[in-house]
């Protein structure tokens, strides 16, 4: 049985689209650029593959493997999402915010 909160996040995840993401980003005072989208789509990919939202360390390791680059680090992510890459990023990506995140 799916709990009510889990169902809410599943519904949000399934109904997510770029227009909704842009509206959320505006409320977060973020102007979405190519680098932002790259992170958002990686967060959604992680969530789809593992069925949970990563912490920042997990996400950085995942992103480095997928993108085959060292450009992804916490400093880079905080420049894109100043209130917390996982907190803001997951909100924009339409995935649950982890219980503990920066």
N, C-alpha and C. Protein backbone atom coordinates (compact mmCIF):
# COMPACT_ATOMS: atom_id res chain seq x y z
N UNK A 1 0.84 -1.19 0.00
CA UNK A 1 0.00 0.00 0.00
C UNK A 1 0.88 1.25 0.00
N UNK A 2 0.54 2.21 -0.81
CA UNK A 2 1.29 3.46 -0.89
C UNK A 2 0.70 4.45 0.11
N UNK A 3 1.58 5.03 0.94
CA UNK A 3 1.13 6.04 1.89
C UNK A 3 0.72 7.30 1.15
N UNK A 4 -0.11 8.10 1.78
CA UNK A 4 -0.65 9.31 1.15
C UNK A 4 0.46 10.23 0.66
N UNK A 5 1.48 10.46 1.48
CA UNK A 5 2.58 11.35 1.09
C UNK A 5 3.36 10.78 -0.09
N UNK A 6 3.59 9.47 -0.09
CA UNK A 6 4.28 8.83 -1.21
C UNK A 6 3.46 8.99 -2.49
N UNK A 7 2.17 8.82 -2.39
CA UNK A 7 1.30 8.95 -3.55
C UNK A 7 1.34 10.37 -4.09
N UNK A 8 1.35 11.36 -3.17
CA UNK A 8 1.42 12.77 -3.57
C UNK A 8 2.68 13.02 -4.41
N UNK A 9 3.82 12.53 -3.91
CA UNK A 9 5.07 12.73 -4.65
C UNK A 9 5.08 11.95 -5.96
N UNK A 10 4.51 10.76 -5.96
CA UNK A 10 4.44 9.99 -7.20
C UNK A 10 3.59 10.73 -8.23
N UNK A 11 2.46 11.28 -7.79
CA UNK A 11 1.60 12.05 -8.70
C UNK A 11 2.34 13.26 -9.25
N UNK A 12 3.05 13.97 -8.38
CA UNK A 12 3.82 15.15 -8.81
C UNK A 12 4.89 14.72 -9.82
N UNK A 13 5.58 13.62 -9.54
CA UNK A 13 6.63 13.14 -10.43
C UNK A 13 6.05 12.81 -11.81
N UNK A 14 4.93 12.12 -11.83
CA UNK A 14 4.34 11.69 -13.10
C UNK A 14 3.72 12.84 -13.88
N UNK A 15 3.26 13.87 -13.20
CA UNK A 15 2.61 15.00 -13.86
C UNK A 15 3.58 16.15 -14.16
N UNK A 16 4.83 15.99 -13.79
CA UNK A 16 5.84 17.03 -13.95
C UNK A 16 6.06 17.32 -15.43
N UNK A 17 6.35 18.58 -15.72
CA UNK A 17 6.79 18.96 -17.07
C UNK A 17 7.65 20.22 -16.94
N UNK A 18 8.28 20.61 -18.04
CA UNK A 18 9.20 21.75 -18.00
C UNK A 18 8.50 23.05 -17.63
N UNK A 19 7.28 23.22 -18.06
CA UNK A 19 6.54 24.44 -17.73
C UNK A 19 6.32 24.54 -16.22
N UNK A 20 5.94 23.44 -15.59
CA UNK A 20 5.76 23.44 -14.14
C UNK A 20 7.09 23.71 -13.44
N UNK A 21 8.15 23.12 -13.97
CA UNK A 21 9.48 23.32 -13.38
C UNK A 21 9.89 24.79 -13.46
N UNK A 22 9.63 25.42 -14.59
CA UNK A 22 9.98 26.84 -14.76
C UNK A 22 9.20 27.69 -13.77
N UNK A 23 7.94 27.39 -13.56
CA UNK A 23 7.13 28.14 -12.59
C UNK A 23 7.66 27.98 -11.16
N UNK A 24 8.03 26.77 -10.81
CA UNK A 24 8.60 26.54 -9.48
C UNK A 24 9.93 27.28 -9.35
N UNK A 25 10.77 27.20 -10.38
CA UNK A 25 12.07 27.87 -10.37
C UNK A 25 11.91 29.38 -10.20
N UNK A 26 10.93 29.96 -10.86
CA UNK A 26 10.68 31.41 -10.72
C UNK A 26 10.37 31.76 -9.28
N UNK A 27 9.56 30.93 -8.63
CA UNK A 27 9.23 31.16 -7.22
C UNK A 27 10.48 31.04 -6.34
N UNK A 28 11.44 30.24 -6.79
CA UNK A 28 12.70 30.05 -6.08
C UNK A 28 13.75 31.08 -6.51
N UNK A 29 13.35 31.99 -7.39
CA UNK A 29 14.23 33.04 -7.92
C UNK A 29 15.40 32.47 -8.72
N UNK A 30 15.11 31.41 -9.46
CA UNK A 30 16.12 30.79 -10.31
C UNK A 30 15.66 30.90 -11.76
N UNK A 31 16.55 31.42 -12.59
CA UNK A 31 16.31 31.50 -14.02
C UNK A 31 16.97 30.27 -14.66
N UNK A 32 16.15 29.38 -15.15
CA UNK A 32 16.65 28.10 -15.65
C UNK A 32 17.49 28.25 -16.91
N UNK A 33 18.70 27.75 -16.84
CA UNK A 33 19.64 27.73 -17.96
C UNK A 33 19.99 26.26 -18.25
N UNK A 34 20.81 26.06 -19.26
CA UNK A 34 21.21 24.71 -19.67
C UNK A 34 21.77 23.90 -18.50
N UNK A 35 22.63 24.51 -17.70
CA UNK A 35 23.25 23.81 -16.57
C UNK A 35 22.23 23.40 -15.51
N UNK A 36 21.23 24.25 -15.30
CA UNK A 36 20.16 23.92 -14.35
C UNK A 36 19.39 22.69 -14.83
N UNK A 37 19.02 22.73 -16.11
CA UNK A 37 18.26 21.61 -16.66
C UNK A 37 19.03 20.31 -16.58
N UNK A 38 20.32 20.37 -16.82
CA UNK A 38 21.16 19.18 -16.74
C UNK A 38 21.04 18.54 -15.35
N UNK A 39 21.11 19.36 -14.33
CA UNK A 39 20.99 18.87 -12.95
C UNK A 39 19.58 18.34 -12.69
N UNK A 40 18.57 19.07 -13.12
CA UNK A 40 17.18 18.65 -12.90
C UNK A 40 16.92 17.29 -13.54
N UNK A 41 17.34 17.12 -14.78
CA UNK A 41 17.11 15.84 -15.46
C UNK A 41 17.91 14.71 -14.82
N UNK A 42 19.09 15.02 -14.28
CA UNK A 42 19.86 13.99 -13.58
C UNK A 42 19.19 13.61 -12.26
N UNK A 43 18.63 14.59 -11.55
CA UNK A 43 17.90 14.28 -10.32
C UNK A 43 16.70 13.38 -10.62
N UNK A 44 15.99 13.68 -11.68
CA UNK A 44 14.84 12.86 -12.06
C UNK A 44 15.29 11.45 -12.48
N UNK A 45 16.40 11.36 -13.19
CA UNK A 45 16.95 10.06 -13.60
C UNK A 45 17.32 9.23 -12.37
N UNK A 46 17.99 9.86 -11.41
CA UNK A 46 18.37 9.16 -10.18
C UNK A 46 17.12 8.63 -9.48
N UNK A 47 16.13 9.52 -9.32
CA UNK A 47 14.90 9.14 -8.63
C UNK A 47 14.20 7.98 -9.36
N UNK A 48 14.15 8.04 -10.67
CA UNK A 48 13.49 6.99 -11.44
C UNK A 48 14.23 5.65 -11.28
N UNK A 49 15.55 5.68 -11.28
CA UNK A 49 16.34 4.46 -11.18
C UNK A 49 16.32 3.84 -9.79
N UNK A 50 16.38 4.69 -8.75
CA UNK A 50 16.56 4.18 -7.39
C UNK A 50 15.36 4.38 -6.48
N UNK A 51 14.35 5.10 -6.93
CA UNK A 51 13.12 5.33 -6.19
C UNK A 51 13.32 6.08 -4.87
N UNK A 52 14.33 6.91 -4.80
CA UNK A 52 14.50 7.82 -3.67
C UNK A 52 15.34 9.01 -4.12
N UNK A 53 15.24 10.08 -3.37
CA UNK A 53 16.00 11.29 -3.68
C UNK A 53 17.38 11.18 -3.03
N UNK A 54 18.44 11.43 -3.78
CA UNK A 54 19.79 11.26 -3.22
C UNK A 54 20.17 12.40 -2.29
N UNK A 55 21.16 12.11 -1.45
CA UNK A 55 21.79 13.23 -0.74
C UNK A 55 22.82 13.81 -1.70
N UNK A 56 23.42 14.90 -1.32
CA UNK A 56 24.32 15.60 -2.26
C UNK A 56 25.52 14.75 -2.67
N UNK A 57 26.08 14.01 -1.74
CA UNK A 57 27.25 13.18 -2.06
C UNK A 57 26.90 12.09 -3.08
N UNK A 58 25.77 11.43 -2.85
CA UNK A 58 25.32 10.41 -3.80
C UNK A 58 25.09 11.02 -5.17
N UNK A 59 24.44 12.18 -5.18
CA UNK A 59 24.12 12.82 -6.45
C UNK A 59 25.38 13.20 -7.21
N UNK A 60 26.36 13.76 -6.53
CA UNK A 60 27.61 14.15 -7.19
C UNK A 60 28.28 12.93 -7.82
N UNK A 61 28.35 11.83 -7.09
CA UNK A 61 28.96 10.61 -7.64
C UNK A 61 28.17 10.09 -8.84
N UNK A 62 26.86 10.10 -8.75
CA UNK A 62 26.00 9.66 -9.85
C UNK A 62 26.21 10.55 -11.08
N UNK A 63 26.19 11.86 -10.87
CA UNK A 63 26.33 12.81 -11.97
C UNK A 63 27.69 12.67 -12.65
N UNK A 64 28.74 12.49 -11.87
CA UNK A 64 30.08 12.33 -12.45
C UNK A 64 30.15 11.09 -13.34
N UNK A 65 29.51 10.01 -12.91
CA UNK A 65 29.51 8.78 -13.71
C UNK A 65 28.72 8.95 -14.99
N UNK A 66 27.56 9.57 -14.90
CA UNK A 66 26.70 9.75 -16.07
C UNK A 66 27.33 10.72 -17.07
N UNK A 67 27.80 11.85 -16.56
CA UNK A 67 28.33 12.90 -17.45
C UNK A 67 29.80 12.70 -17.81
N UNK A 68 30.46 11.79 -17.10
CA UNK A 68 31.88 11.53 -17.31
C UNK A 68 32.68 12.84 -17.26
N UNK A 69 32.43 13.59 -16.18
CA UNK A 69 33.12 14.86 -15.99
C UNK A 69 33.34 15.12 -14.51
N UNK A 70 34.32 15.93 -14.23
CA UNK A 70 34.60 16.32 -12.85
C UNK A 70 33.99 17.68 -12.52
N UNK A 71 33.27 18.29 -13.48
CA UNK A 71 32.74 19.64 -13.24
C UNK A 71 31.69 19.66 -12.14
N UNK A 72 31.04 18.53 -11.90
CA UNK A 72 30.00 18.48 -10.88
C UNK A 72 30.64 18.32 -9.50
N UNK A 73 30.46 19.34 -8.69
CA UNK A 73 30.89 19.29 -7.29
C UNK A 73 29.94 20.18 -6.49
N UNK A 74 30.09 20.19 -5.19
CA UNK A 74 29.14 20.93 -4.35
C UNK A 74 29.19 22.44 -4.62
N UNK A 75 30.34 22.99 -4.90
CA UNK A 75 30.45 24.43 -5.18
C UNK A 75 29.66 24.77 -6.45
N UNK A 76 29.87 23.99 -7.49
CA UNK A 76 29.14 24.17 -8.75
C UNK A 76 27.64 24.09 -8.53
N UNK A 77 27.19 23.08 -7.79
CA UNK A 77 25.77 22.88 -7.55
C UNK A 77 25.15 24.00 -6.72
N UNK A 78 25.90 24.50 -5.72
CA UNK A 78 25.38 25.59 -4.90
C UNK A 78 25.31 26.90 -5.68
N UNK A 79 26.15 27.07 -6.69
CA UNK A 79 26.04 28.25 -7.54
C UNK A 79 24.75 28.22 -8.35
N UNK A 80 24.35 27.02 -8.76
CA UNK A 80 23.11 26.88 -9.52
C UNK A 80 21.87 26.96 -8.64
N UNK A 81 21.96 26.36 -7.46
CA UNK A 81 20.83 26.28 -6.53
C UNK A 81 21.30 26.74 -5.15
N UNK A 82 21.33 28.05 -4.93
CA UNK A 82 21.92 28.62 -3.71
C UNK A 82 21.26 28.22 -2.39
N UNK A 83 20.00 27.84 -2.42
CA UNK A 83 19.33 27.43 -1.18
C UNK A 83 19.52 25.94 -0.90
N UNK A 84 20.36 25.31 -1.69
CA UNK A 84 20.63 23.89 -1.52
C UNK A 84 20.30 23.12 -2.78
N UNK A 85 21.30 22.52 -3.40
CA UNK A 85 21.09 21.84 -4.67
C UNK A 85 20.06 20.72 -4.60
N UNK A 86 20.05 19.96 -3.54
CA UNK A 86 19.09 18.87 -3.45
C UNK A 86 17.73 19.41 -3.04
N UNK A 87 17.70 20.33 -2.10
CA UNK A 87 16.43 20.91 -1.64
C UNK A 87 15.72 21.64 -2.79
N UNK A 88 16.37 22.61 -3.38
CA UNK A 88 15.75 23.36 -4.49
C UNK A 88 15.63 22.50 -5.75
N UNK A 89 16.66 21.75 -6.03
CA UNK A 89 16.65 20.92 -7.23
C UNK A 89 15.54 19.90 -7.22
N UNK A 90 15.34 19.23 -6.10
CA UNK A 90 14.28 18.23 -6.03
C UNK A 90 12.90 18.87 -6.15
N UNK A 91 12.75 20.06 -5.59
CA UNK A 91 11.47 20.77 -5.69
C UNK A 91 11.17 21.08 -7.17
N UNK A 92 12.15 21.60 -7.88
CA UNK A 92 11.98 21.95 -9.29
C UNK A 92 11.81 20.68 -10.14
N UNK A 93 12.51 19.62 -9.76
CA UNK A 93 12.46 18.36 -10.52
C UNK A 93 11.19 17.56 -10.26
N UNK A 94 10.40 17.96 -9.28
CA UNK A 94 9.17 17.24 -8.99
C UNK A 94 9.38 15.91 -8.30
N UNK A 95 10.45 15.83 -7.50
CA UNK A 95 10.72 14.62 -6.73
C UNK A 95 10.72 14.97 -5.25
N UNK A 96 10.55 13.98 -4.37
CA UNK A 96 10.51 14.29 -2.94
C UNK A 96 11.83 14.86 -2.43
N UNK A 97 11.72 15.79 -1.51
CA UNK A 97 12.90 16.31 -0.83
C UNK A 97 13.32 15.28 0.20
N UNK A 98 14.60 14.94 0.26
CA UNK A 98 15.02 13.96 1.29
C UNK A 98 14.82 14.57 2.68
N UNK A 99 14.70 13.69 3.66
CA UNK A 99 14.45 14.17 5.02
C UNK A 99 15.59 15.05 5.54
N UNK A 100 16.80 14.77 5.09
CA UNK A 100 17.95 15.59 5.50
C UNK A 100 18.71 15.99 4.25
N UNK A 101 18.78 17.28 3.99
CA UNK A 101 19.54 17.73 2.82
C UNK A 101 20.02 19.16 3.04
N UNK A 102 21.05 19.51 2.27
CA UNK A 102 21.59 20.87 2.33
C UNK A 102 20.81 21.76 1.39
